N, C-alpha and C. Protein backbone atom coordinates (compact mmCIF):
# COMPACT_ATOMS: atom_id res chain seq x y z
N MET A 1 22.03 -35.95 57.01
CA MET A 1 21.81 -35.96 55.58
C MET A 1 20.53 -36.75 55.27
N PRO A 2 19.38 -36.10 55.36
CA PRO A 2 18.11 -36.79 55.13
C PRO A 2 18.01 -37.51 53.80
N TYR A 3 18.65 -36.97 52.76
CA TYR A 3 18.59 -37.64 51.46
C TYR A 3 19.25 -39.00 51.51
N LEU A 4 20.35 -39.11 52.26
CA LEU A 4 21.02 -40.40 52.39
C LEU A 4 20.19 -41.38 53.22
N LEU A 5 19.54 -40.89 54.26
CA LEU A 5 18.74 -41.77 55.12
C LEU A 5 17.50 -42.30 54.40
N THR A 6 16.94 -41.49 53.51
CA THR A 6 15.67 -41.87 52.88
C THR A 6 15.81 -42.34 51.44
N GLY A 7 16.95 -42.07 50.83
CA GLY A 7 17.12 -42.42 49.42
C GLY A 7 16.35 -41.51 48.50
N ALA A 8 15.93 -40.35 49.00
CA ALA A 8 15.14 -39.41 48.20
C ALA A 8 16.05 -38.64 47.25
N GLY A 9 15.46 -38.20 46.18
CA GLY A 9 16.18 -37.38 45.21
C GLY A 9 15.99 -35.91 45.50
N PRO A 10 16.72 -35.06 44.77
CA PRO A 10 16.58 -33.61 44.96
C PRO A 10 15.12 -33.16 44.74
N GLY A 11 14.64 -32.34 45.67
CA GLY A 11 13.28 -31.81 45.56
C GLY A 11 12.19 -32.71 46.10
N GLU A 12 12.52 -33.92 46.52
CA GLU A 12 11.49 -34.83 47.04
C GLU A 12 11.19 -34.60 48.51
N LEU A 13 12.10 -33.96 49.22
CA LEU A 13 11.91 -33.67 50.63
C LEU A 13 11.87 -32.17 50.84
N PHE A 14 10.99 -31.71 51.72
CA PHE A 14 10.98 -30.32 52.14
C PHE A 14 11.64 -30.32 53.51
N LEU A 15 12.82 -29.72 53.59
CA LEU A 15 13.62 -29.81 54.81
C LEU A 15 13.62 -28.50 55.59
N VAL A 16 13.52 -28.63 56.90
CA VAL A 16 13.70 -27.51 57.80
C VAL A 16 14.74 -27.96 58.81
N ARG A 17 15.86 -27.28 58.81
CA ARG A 17 16.92 -27.64 59.76
C ARG A 17 17.12 -26.47 60.70
N ASN A 18 17.20 -26.78 61.99
CA ASN A 18 17.49 -25.74 62.97
C ASN A 18 18.19 -26.38 64.17
N VAL A 19 18.61 -25.57 65.08
CA VAL A 19 19.31 -26.04 66.27
C VAL A 19 18.38 -26.93 67.08
N GLY A 20 18.78 -28.19 67.27
CA GLY A 20 18.02 -29.12 68.10
C GLY A 20 16.80 -29.74 67.44
N ALA A 21 16.51 -29.41 66.21
CA ALA A 21 15.28 -29.86 65.54
C ALA A 21 14.05 -29.47 66.37
N PHE A 22 14.11 -28.28 66.97
CA PHE A 22 13.04 -27.82 67.85
C PHE A 22 11.90 -27.19 67.05
N VAL A 23 10.69 -27.35 67.58
CA VAL A 23 9.48 -26.77 67.01
C VAL A 23 8.99 -25.71 67.98
N PRO A 24 8.86 -24.47 67.51
CA PRO A 24 8.34 -23.44 68.41
C PRO A 24 6.85 -23.65 68.66
N PRO A 25 6.34 -23.16 69.77
CA PRO A 25 4.91 -23.30 70.04
C PRO A 25 4.08 -22.52 69.03
N TYR A 26 2.87 -22.99 68.82
CA TYR A 26 1.93 -22.26 67.97
C TYR A 26 1.31 -21.19 68.85
N ASP A 27 1.88 -19.97 68.78
CA ASP A 27 1.39 -18.92 69.68
C ASP A 27 0.83 -17.71 68.94
N GLN A 28 0.87 -17.73 67.62
CA GLN A 28 0.31 -16.68 66.78
C GLN A 28 0.86 -15.29 67.11
N SER A 29 2.06 -15.24 67.70
CA SER A 29 2.66 -13.94 68.00
C SER A 29 3.21 -13.33 66.71
N GLN A 30 3.33 -12.05 66.72
CA GLN A 30 3.89 -11.34 65.57
C GLN A 30 5.40 -11.45 65.64
N GLY A 31 6.02 -11.56 64.51
CA GLY A 31 7.47 -11.63 64.47
C GLY A 31 7.91 -12.61 63.40
N PHE A 32 9.19 -12.84 63.35
CA PHE A 32 9.76 -13.74 62.36
C PHE A 32 9.91 -15.12 62.97
N HIS A 33 9.16 -16.06 62.47
CA HIS A 33 9.17 -17.42 62.99
C HIS A 33 9.39 -18.37 61.81
N GLY A 34 10.64 -18.55 61.42
CA GLY A 34 10.96 -19.34 60.24
C GLY A 34 10.48 -20.77 60.31
N THR A 35 10.66 -21.43 61.45
CA THR A 35 10.25 -22.82 61.57
C THR A 35 8.73 -22.94 61.55
N ALA A 36 8.04 -22.06 62.27
CA ALA A 36 6.57 -22.08 62.26
C ALA A 36 6.04 -21.81 60.85
N ALA A 37 6.66 -20.86 60.14
CA ALA A 37 6.23 -20.57 58.77
C ALA A 37 6.46 -21.78 57.87
N ALA A 38 7.55 -22.48 58.07
CA ALA A 38 7.84 -23.67 57.26
C ALA A 38 6.82 -24.77 57.52
N ILE A 39 6.41 -24.94 58.77
CA ILE A 39 5.39 -25.94 59.09
C ILE A 39 4.09 -25.59 58.39
N GLU A 40 3.67 -24.35 58.49
CA GLU A 40 2.43 -23.92 57.84
C GLU A 40 2.52 -24.10 56.33
N PHE A 41 3.64 -23.71 55.72
CA PHE A 41 3.82 -23.85 54.28
C PHE A 41 3.77 -25.31 53.86
N ALA A 42 4.47 -26.17 54.60
CA ALA A 42 4.51 -27.60 54.26
C ALA A 42 3.13 -28.23 54.32
N VAL A 43 2.38 -27.90 55.37
CA VAL A 43 1.06 -28.52 55.56
C VAL A 43 0.00 -27.90 54.66
N LEU A 44 -0.05 -26.58 54.62
CA LEU A 44 -1.13 -25.90 53.91
C LEU A 44 -0.88 -25.73 52.41
N ASN A 45 0.36 -25.45 52.01
CA ASN A 45 0.65 -25.21 50.60
C ASN A 45 1.13 -26.47 49.89
N LEU A 46 2.08 -27.17 50.50
CA LEU A 46 2.62 -28.37 49.87
C LEU A 46 1.79 -29.61 50.15
N GLU A 47 0.93 -29.55 51.15
CA GLU A 47 0.09 -30.67 51.56
C GLU A 47 0.90 -31.95 51.77
N VAL A 48 1.98 -31.80 52.56
CA VAL A 48 2.81 -32.97 52.85
C VAL A 48 1.97 -34.03 53.57
N ARG A 49 2.36 -35.26 53.41
CA ARG A 49 1.63 -36.37 54.05
C ARG A 49 2.33 -36.87 55.30
N ARG A 50 3.60 -36.52 55.45
CA ARG A 50 4.38 -36.95 56.61
C ARG A 50 5.25 -35.81 57.10
N ILE A 51 5.33 -35.66 58.41
CA ILE A 51 6.32 -34.76 59.02
C ILE A 51 7.20 -35.64 59.90
N ILE A 52 8.49 -35.53 59.69
CA ILE A 52 9.44 -36.31 60.47
C ILE A 52 10.29 -35.35 61.29
N VAL A 53 10.30 -35.54 62.60
CA VAL A 53 11.22 -34.82 63.46
C VAL A 53 12.39 -35.77 63.66
N CYS A 54 13.55 -35.36 63.17
CA CYS A 54 14.72 -36.23 63.21
C CYS A 54 15.80 -35.61 64.07
N GLY A 55 16.09 -36.26 65.18
CA GLY A 55 17.19 -35.87 66.04
C GLY A 55 18.32 -36.87 65.85
N HIS A 56 19.40 -36.68 66.58
CA HIS A 56 20.53 -37.59 66.42
C HIS A 56 21.35 -37.68 67.71
N SER A 57 22.15 -38.72 67.77
CA SER A 57 23.05 -38.89 68.90
C SER A 57 24.11 -37.79 68.90
N HIS A 58 24.65 -37.51 70.06
CA HIS A 58 25.71 -36.51 70.23
C HIS A 58 25.25 -35.11 69.81
N CYS A 59 23.98 -34.80 70.07
CA CYS A 59 23.39 -33.52 69.69
C CYS A 59 23.97 -32.38 70.54
N GLY A 60 24.54 -31.41 69.88
CA GLY A 60 25.12 -30.27 70.58
C GLY A 60 24.08 -29.42 71.29
N ALA A 61 22.89 -29.32 70.73
CA ALA A 61 21.83 -28.53 71.37
C ALA A 61 21.40 -29.18 72.68
N VAL A 62 21.28 -30.50 72.68
CA VAL A 62 20.89 -31.20 73.92
C VAL A 62 22.00 -31.06 74.96
N ARG A 63 23.24 -31.20 74.55
CA ARG A 63 24.35 -31.03 75.49
C ARG A 63 24.32 -29.62 76.06
N ALA A 64 24.00 -28.62 75.22
CA ALA A 64 23.94 -27.23 75.69
C ALA A 64 22.83 -27.04 76.73
N LEU A 65 21.77 -27.85 76.67
CA LEU A 65 20.71 -27.75 77.67
C LEU A 65 21.23 -28.05 79.08
N TYR A 66 22.29 -28.84 79.17
CA TYR A 66 22.87 -29.21 80.46
C TYR A 66 24.07 -28.35 80.83
N GLY A 67 24.47 -27.46 79.95
CA GLY A 67 25.67 -26.67 80.22
C GLY A 67 25.40 -25.19 80.11
N GLU A 68 26.46 -24.49 79.88
CA GLU A 68 26.36 -23.04 79.76
C GLU A 68 26.44 -22.64 78.30
N VAL A 69 25.73 -21.57 77.99
CA VAL A 69 25.74 -20.99 76.66
C VAL A 69 26.35 -19.60 76.81
N PRO A 70 27.22 -19.20 75.90
CA PRO A 70 27.82 -17.86 76.01
C PRO A 70 26.76 -16.77 76.18
N ALA A 71 27.02 -15.84 77.06
CA ALA A 71 26.06 -14.77 77.35
C ALA A 71 25.68 -13.97 76.11
N ALA A 72 26.59 -13.87 75.15
CA ALA A 72 26.31 -13.11 73.94
C ALA A 72 25.32 -13.82 73.01
N ALA A 73 25.04 -15.08 73.25
CA ALA A 73 24.14 -15.87 72.38
C ALA A 73 22.71 -15.81 72.89
N GLN A 74 22.14 -14.61 72.94
CA GLN A 74 20.80 -14.41 73.50
C GLN A 74 19.71 -15.14 72.71
N ASN A 75 19.79 -15.17 71.38
CA ASN A 75 18.80 -15.90 70.59
C ASN A 75 18.90 -17.39 70.85
N LEU A 76 20.12 -17.88 70.98
CA LEU A 76 20.32 -19.31 71.26
C LEU A 76 19.78 -19.66 72.64
N VAL A 77 20.01 -18.83 73.62
CA VAL A 77 19.49 -19.08 74.97
C VAL A 77 17.98 -19.23 74.93
N ARG A 78 17.30 -18.32 74.24
CA ARG A 78 15.83 -18.39 74.14
C ARG A 78 15.39 -19.62 73.36
N TRP A 79 16.10 -19.93 72.27
CA TRP A 79 15.75 -21.07 71.42
C TRP A 79 15.87 -22.38 72.20
N LEU A 80 16.93 -22.52 72.99
CA LEU A 80 17.13 -23.76 73.74
C LEU A 80 16.03 -24.03 74.75
N GLU A 81 15.31 -23.00 75.16
CA GLU A 81 14.18 -23.20 76.07
C GLU A 81 13.13 -24.13 75.47
N LEU A 82 13.11 -24.23 74.14
CA LEU A 82 12.16 -25.13 73.47
C LEU A 82 12.44 -26.59 73.77
N GLY A 83 13.62 -26.90 74.26
CA GLY A 83 13.96 -28.28 74.61
C GLY A 83 14.04 -28.53 76.11
N ARG A 84 13.83 -27.50 76.89
CA ARG A 84 14.02 -27.59 78.35
C ARG A 84 13.19 -28.70 79.00
N GLU A 85 11.97 -28.93 78.53
CA GLU A 85 11.11 -29.96 79.15
C GLU A 85 11.67 -31.37 78.98
N ALA A 86 12.58 -31.57 78.06
CA ALA A 86 13.15 -32.90 77.83
C ALA A 86 14.29 -33.22 78.78
N VAL A 87 14.81 -32.21 79.47
CA VAL A 87 15.97 -32.38 80.35
C VAL A 87 15.61 -33.24 81.56
N LEU A 88 16.50 -34.15 81.88
CA LEU A 88 16.33 -35.01 83.06
C LEU A 88 17.00 -34.37 84.27
N PRO A 89 16.44 -34.58 85.46
CA PRO A 89 16.99 -33.95 86.66
C PRO A 89 18.22 -34.70 87.19
N VAL A 90 19.36 -34.44 86.58
CA VAL A 90 20.62 -35.06 87.01
C VAL A 90 21.67 -33.98 87.18
N ALA A 91 22.65 -34.26 88.03
CA ALA A 91 23.72 -33.30 88.25
C ALA A 91 24.71 -33.29 87.09
N GLU A 92 25.08 -34.45 86.62
CA GLU A 92 26.06 -34.57 85.54
C GLU A 92 25.53 -35.54 84.49
N PRO A 93 25.24 -35.06 83.29
CA PRO A 93 24.66 -35.94 82.28
C PRO A 93 25.72 -36.84 81.62
N GLY A 94 25.52 -38.13 81.74
CA GLY A 94 26.38 -39.08 81.06
C GLY A 94 25.78 -39.44 79.71
N PRO A 95 26.41 -40.36 78.98
CA PRO A 95 25.92 -40.73 77.65
C PRO A 95 24.48 -41.23 77.63
N GLU A 96 24.07 -42.01 78.63
CA GLU A 96 22.70 -42.52 78.66
C GLU A 96 21.69 -41.41 78.89
N VAL A 97 22.01 -40.48 79.78
CA VAL A 97 21.12 -39.35 80.04
C VAL A 97 20.99 -38.49 78.78
N LEU A 98 22.10 -38.25 78.10
CA LEU A 98 22.04 -37.46 76.88
C LEU A 98 21.21 -38.17 75.81
N ARG A 99 21.37 -39.48 75.67
CA ARG A 99 20.59 -40.24 74.70
C ARG A 99 19.10 -40.13 75.00
N ARG A 100 18.76 -40.34 76.25
CA ARG A 100 17.34 -40.25 76.62
C ARG A 100 16.79 -38.84 76.40
N THR A 101 17.58 -37.83 76.72
CA THR A 101 17.14 -36.45 76.52
C THR A 101 16.97 -36.15 75.04
N GLU A 102 17.87 -36.63 74.21
CA GLU A 102 17.75 -36.44 72.76
C GLU A 102 16.44 -37.06 72.26
N GLN A 103 16.12 -38.24 72.74
CA GLN A 103 14.89 -38.90 72.32
C GLN A 103 13.66 -38.21 72.90
N ARG A 104 13.73 -37.79 74.14
CA ARG A 104 12.61 -37.08 74.76
C ARG A 104 12.34 -35.76 74.02
N ALA A 105 13.41 -35.11 73.57
CA ALA A 105 13.25 -33.85 72.84
C ALA A 105 12.50 -34.08 71.53
N ILE A 106 12.75 -35.18 70.87
CA ILE A 106 12.03 -35.50 69.63
C ILE A 106 10.55 -35.65 69.91
N VAL A 107 10.20 -36.40 70.94
CA VAL A 107 8.79 -36.61 71.27
C VAL A 107 8.13 -35.29 71.69
N LEU A 108 8.86 -34.47 72.40
CA LEU A 108 8.34 -33.16 72.79
C LEU A 108 7.98 -32.33 71.57
N GLN A 109 8.79 -32.40 70.53
CA GLN A 109 8.51 -31.63 69.31
C GLN A 109 7.28 -32.20 68.59
N LEU A 110 7.12 -33.51 68.61
CA LEU A 110 5.92 -34.12 68.02
C LEU A 110 4.67 -33.64 68.75
N GLU A 111 4.76 -33.58 70.07
CA GLU A 111 3.63 -33.07 70.87
C GLU A 111 3.33 -31.63 70.49
N ARG A 112 4.39 -30.83 70.35
CA ARG A 112 4.20 -29.42 70.05
C ARG A 112 3.59 -29.23 68.66
N LEU A 113 3.97 -30.08 67.71
CA LEU A 113 3.38 -30.00 66.37
C LEU A 113 1.86 -30.14 66.41
N MET A 114 1.37 -30.96 67.32
CA MET A 114 -0.07 -31.19 67.41
C MET A 114 -0.83 -29.95 67.88
N ASN A 115 -0.12 -28.93 68.38
CA ASN A 115 -0.78 -27.68 68.76
C ASN A 115 -1.00 -26.75 67.58
N TYR A 116 -0.43 -27.07 66.43
CA TYR A 116 -0.68 -26.31 65.21
C TYR A 116 -2.02 -26.80 64.67
N PRO A 117 -3.02 -25.92 64.57
CA PRO A 117 -4.36 -26.37 64.17
C PRO A 117 -4.38 -27.14 62.85
N MET A 118 -3.60 -26.69 61.87
CA MET A 118 -3.61 -27.38 60.58
C MET A 118 -2.97 -28.76 60.66
N VAL A 119 -2.02 -28.93 61.57
CA VAL A 119 -1.40 -30.25 61.77
C VAL A 119 -2.40 -31.16 62.47
N ARG A 120 -2.96 -30.69 63.58
CA ARG A 120 -3.93 -31.51 64.33
C ARG A 120 -5.09 -31.96 63.43
N GLU A 121 -5.64 -31.01 62.66
CA GLU A 121 -6.78 -31.32 61.80
C GLU A 121 -6.41 -32.45 60.82
N ARG A 122 -5.24 -32.37 60.24
CA ARG A 122 -4.86 -33.37 59.23
C ARG A 122 -4.43 -34.69 59.85
N VAL A 123 -3.82 -34.65 61.02
CA VAL A 123 -3.50 -35.91 61.71
C VAL A 123 -4.80 -36.62 62.07
N GLU A 124 -5.74 -35.88 62.63
CA GLU A 124 -7.00 -36.49 63.05
C GLU A 124 -7.83 -36.98 61.87
N SER A 125 -7.68 -36.36 60.69
CA SER A 125 -8.42 -36.82 59.51
C SER A 125 -7.68 -37.94 58.78
N GLY A 126 -6.46 -38.23 59.20
CA GLY A 126 -5.70 -39.32 58.59
C GLY A 126 -4.94 -38.93 57.33
N THR A 127 -4.84 -37.64 57.02
CA THR A 127 -4.12 -37.21 55.82
C THR A 127 -2.68 -36.80 56.09
N LEU A 128 -2.29 -36.80 57.36
CA LEU A 128 -0.93 -36.43 57.75
C LEU A 128 -0.51 -37.32 58.90
N THR A 129 0.70 -37.82 58.85
CA THR A 129 1.24 -38.58 59.98
C THR A 129 2.51 -37.91 60.48
N LEU A 130 2.75 -38.04 61.77
CA LEU A 130 3.95 -37.50 62.40
C LEU A 130 4.86 -38.66 62.77
N HIS A 131 6.15 -38.46 62.57
CA HIS A 131 7.12 -39.51 62.83
C HIS A 131 8.29 -38.93 63.61
N GLY A 132 8.77 -39.67 64.60
CA GLY A 132 9.96 -39.30 65.34
C GLY A 132 11.09 -40.23 64.98
N TRP A 133 12.19 -39.69 64.49
CA TRP A 133 13.37 -40.47 64.14
C TRP A 133 14.54 -40.04 65.01
N TYR A 134 15.32 -41.02 65.41
CA TYR A 134 16.54 -40.78 66.18
C TYR A 134 17.67 -41.47 65.45
N TYR A 135 18.55 -40.69 64.85
CA TYR A 135 19.66 -41.24 64.08
C TYR A 135 20.85 -41.47 65.02
N VAL A 136 21.25 -42.73 65.14
CA VAL A 136 22.40 -43.10 65.97
C VAL A 136 23.63 -43.02 65.06
N ILE A 137 24.35 -41.93 65.15
CA ILE A 137 25.45 -41.64 64.23
C ILE A 137 26.49 -42.75 64.23
N GLU A 138 26.89 -43.21 65.40
CA GLU A 138 27.97 -44.19 65.48
C GLU A 138 27.59 -45.55 64.89
N ASP A 139 26.31 -45.85 64.81
CA ASP A 139 25.84 -47.12 64.24
C ASP A 139 25.30 -46.96 62.81
N GLY A 140 25.07 -45.71 62.40
CA GLY A 140 24.46 -45.47 61.10
C GLY A 140 23.06 -46.03 61.02
N GLU A 141 22.35 -45.99 62.15
CA GLU A 141 21.03 -46.62 62.24
C GLU A 141 19.97 -45.61 62.69
N VAL A 142 18.80 -45.71 62.10
CA VAL A 142 17.68 -44.87 62.49
C VAL A 142 16.79 -45.66 63.45
N HIS A 143 16.49 -45.06 64.59
CA HIS A 143 15.49 -45.60 65.51
C HIS A 143 14.26 -44.73 65.36
N VAL A 144 13.10 -45.34 65.40
CA VAL A 144 11.86 -44.60 65.23
C VAL A 144 11.03 -44.68 66.50
N PHE A 145 10.22 -43.65 66.70
CA PHE A 145 9.31 -43.67 67.83
C PHE A 145 8.15 -44.57 67.46
N ASP A 146 8.01 -45.67 68.17
CA ASP A 146 6.94 -46.64 67.92
C ASP A 146 5.81 -46.33 68.89
N VAL A 147 4.67 -45.88 68.37
CA VAL A 147 3.57 -45.48 69.24
C VAL A 147 2.96 -46.65 69.99
N GLY A 148 3.09 -47.85 69.45
CA GLY A 148 2.57 -49.02 70.14
C GLY A 148 3.37 -49.36 71.39
N LEU A 149 4.68 -49.15 71.32
CA LEU A 149 5.56 -49.44 72.45
C LEU A 149 5.83 -48.22 73.32
N GLY A 150 5.62 -47.04 72.76
CA GLY A 150 5.88 -45.82 73.53
C GLY A 150 7.35 -45.52 73.68
N GLY A 151 8.18 -45.97 72.75
CA GLY A 151 9.61 -45.71 72.82
C GLY A 151 10.26 -45.84 71.46
N PHE A 152 11.57 -45.62 71.44
CA PHE A 152 12.34 -45.69 70.21
C PHE A 152 12.91 -47.08 70.01
N ILE A 153 12.79 -47.59 68.79
CA ILE A 153 13.35 -48.89 68.44
C ILE A 153 13.95 -48.80 67.04
N PRO A 154 14.85 -49.73 66.70
CA PRO A 154 15.39 -49.71 65.33
C PRO A 154 14.25 -49.73 64.31
N ALA A 155 14.41 -48.94 63.26
CA ALA A 155 13.35 -48.83 62.25
C ALA A 155 12.95 -50.18 61.69
N SER A 156 13.89 -51.09 61.56
CA SER A 156 13.59 -52.41 60.99
C SER A 156 12.65 -53.22 61.87
N GLN A 157 12.49 -52.86 63.13
CA GLN A 157 11.64 -53.61 64.06
C GLN A 157 10.31 -52.92 64.35
N ALA A 158 10.10 -51.73 63.81
CA ALA A 158 8.91 -50.94 64.16
C ALA A 158 7.68 -51.39 63.39
N GLU A 159 6.60 -51.56 64.12
CA GLU A 159 5.33 -51.88 63.49
C GLU A 159 4.38 -50.68 63.49
N HIS A 160 4.60 -49.74 64.40
CA HIS A 160 3.70 -48.60 64.56
C HIS A 160 4.51 -47.32 64.64
N ALA A 161 5.04 -46.88 63.50
CA ALA A 161 5.95 -45.74 63.51
C ALA A 161 5.33 -44.47 62.93
N GLY A 162 4.02 -44.37 62.90
CA GLY A 162 3.37 -43.15 62.42
C GLY A 162 2.47 -42.57 63.48
N THR A 163 2.01 -41.38 63.29
CA THR A 163 1.12 -40.62 64.15
C THR A 163 1.80 -40.08 65.39
N GLY A 164 3.15 -39.99 65.37
CA GLY A 164 3.85 -39.37 66.49
C GLY A 164 3.50 -40.04 67.79
N PRO A 165 3.24 -39.28 68.84
CA PRO A 165 2.89 -39.88 70.13
C PRO A 165 1.42 -40.21 70.25
N TYR A 166 0.71 -40.27 69.14
CA TYR A 166 -0.73 -40.50 69.17
C TYR A 166 -1.07 -41.83 68.52
N LEU A 167 -1.90 -42.58 69.18
CA LEU A 167 -2.37 -43.85 68.66
C LEU A 167 -3.89 -43.82 68.74
N HIS A 168 -4.54 -43.80 67.59
CA HIS A 168 -6.00 -43.70 67.54
C HIS A 168 -6.51 -42.53 68.37
N GLN A 169 -5.81 -41.43 68.27
CA GLN A 169 -6.14 -40.18 68.95
C GLN A 169 -6.14 -40.31 70.47
N ALA A 170 -5.49 -41.36 70.98
CA ALA A 170 -5.38 -41.52 72.43
C ALA A 170 -3.94 -41.29 72.83
N ARG A 171 -3.72 -40.77 73.99
CA ARG A 171 -2.37 -40.49 74.44
C ARG A 171 -1.80 -41.69 75.18
N LEU A 172 -0.50 -41.85 75.04
CA LEU A 172 0.21 -42.91 75.75
C LEU A 172 0.49 -42.48 77.18
N PRO A 173 0.81 -43.42 78.07
CA PRO A 173 1.18 -43.03 79.43
C PRO A 173 2.38 -42.09 79.41
N LEU A 174 2.35 -41.07 80.26
CA LEU A 174 3.42 -40.09 80.29
C LEU A 174 4.35 -40.35 81.46
N ASP A 175 5.63 -39.98 81.27
CA ASP A 175 6.54 -40.03 82.40
C ASP A 175 6.41 -38.71 83.16
N GLY A 176 7.26 -38.47 84.12
CA GLY A 176 7.16 -37.28 84.96
C GLY A 176 7.36 -35.97 84.24
N SER A 177 7.89 -35.98 83.02
CA SER A 177 8.15 -34.73 82.30
C SER A 177 7.03 -34.33 81.37
N GLY A 178 6.00 -35.15 81.24
CA GLY A 178 4.90 -34.79 80.35
C GLY A 178 5.05 -35.29 78.94
N VAL A 179 6.01 -36.18 78.68
CA VAL A 179 6.15 -36.80 77.37
C VAL A 179 6.05 -38.31 77.55
N PRO A 180 5.66 -39.02 76.50
CA PRO A 180 5.57 -40.48 76.65
C PRO A 180 6.87 -41.06 77.18
N ALA A 181 6.75 -42.05 78.01
CA ALA A 181 7.92 -42.67 78.62
C ALA A 181 8.81 -43.26 77.53
N ALA A 182 10.10 -43.01 77.62
CA ALA A 182 11.06 -43.53 76.65
C ALA A 182 11.49 -44.92 77.07
N GLU A 183 12.11 -45.62 76.12
CA GLU A 183 12.60 -46.96 76.44
C GLU A 183 13.69 -46.89 77.50
N ASP A 184 13.89 -47.94 78.19
CA ASP A 184 14.97 -48.00 79.20
C ASP A 184 16.19 -48.65 78.61
C-alpha cells in the first residue's frame, strides 16, 4: 500500500504494480508492454522526479524463481525471467536467501531502468532520481538502497538513498551476479 508508506493522497503517486515489481528491458520490440509504456509515460508525460522500485519480504514472485510454475502459466514463466539474474546459486532457499534475492531483484530493476534512454538522460541531468525500497512486512519498516553503502538499510538511517545504484554516475562494486553487493 504505497499510499500508507508515503502518506500521499489520492492522485499524488503514479503507480505501476506487477508481479515481482519487475522492469522489462528497453528493447523497442513491437507488442504490448504495459510496464515499459508506464515508465515512458511517467518520465516523458508526467515528468516525475522520482521512480521508486518497491519490493517486499515474502515475495511470491521471488519464491517462484526458486520453484516450479504451472506449465499453463506461459506468460508468468517468461515474466519471471526478468528476475532470474537475482537468484542465488543454492539448492534450497531459506529465509535469508529469499531476503537477499528480493533485495537483489530490486537493484536489478534499478539497473534495468537506466537502459531506458529517457530515464538515463534525466538521471544524469539530475532531474530524476531512482530509489530502491524493500518493505519488511513483518516489521512494518522500509529499508532503502543506500548508494553510499551499496546495500539496504532502514530508511531512518539512510544518508544516500537516491540515484539507484549510481553515485555521481559511477558504479558501485558488483558481486558475482552483476548487481551491487547487498548487505550481509
